[in-house]
């Protein structure tokens, strides 16, 4: 999961970033409202966590301008302003939720998970596909009730496929989801991860194939018992995300331990 944090208090920002990274979230941080606005427009985030008291423009203005620009990324306001009018104003401008400081880490994570699930069309934390059950909150996978061990990268790929089940996802989208623009390896590493994930799923499900290759476009998660439509009907999503960091080449050996 990828989060944009807009918070001007450096100690608070560092604390929140640590919380999010402990849950294996990719977190980008800025302390300016204008920067948050531009970054939020440019890149594809699962959620934006927005403070209201910013040094250049307030969070309400950031929120208003994002929604005016048709940016539909879910936004969680995280603010020390606890008045009812402040909450009503924030939600009225288009925020998906409002959490006041101080807060408990567990509540912040739970709210983020719930908002992202709803934004992807999933009210439950468990997404089932055939014999598979992906628990987004616990970050675990079961096959007919039995736990399936996956590496962090394998789980990340299955998580993204599950959240956007039935949609063709490009390799660039997987790279962005797994690395967030930092020290990204070459695109072909995604093929390696998918190959290893497929083998584990096939072994656990009696040879069933859940990950469909859409040639020249990417991969898609489908229930093996569902009728397959023509791949021409599967619309690929655009890949967005910062393409930064060093291009540290990753091999199959790296993939095996990721």
Foldseek 3Di string as FASTA:
>chain_A
DEEEEAAQPVVVVVVLCVLQVVVVYHYHYDPALVVSLVQLVFFDGLEYEAEQDGDPHGRLVSLLVCVVVVRPRAYEYEYQDDDPVVQCSSVVSPHPYYHYPPDDSVVVLVVSQCRSCVVLPHNAQWQDAAQWIQRNSVLWIDGVNHTQDDAPLLSQVVVVQRSNALAFEALLQSQCSNPQQAQGADSCVVVLSVVVSQVSVCVRHVHAGQWDADPPTHIHGHRSPDDDDPCVPHYHDDRGGHNHYDHNHDDSVNSVND
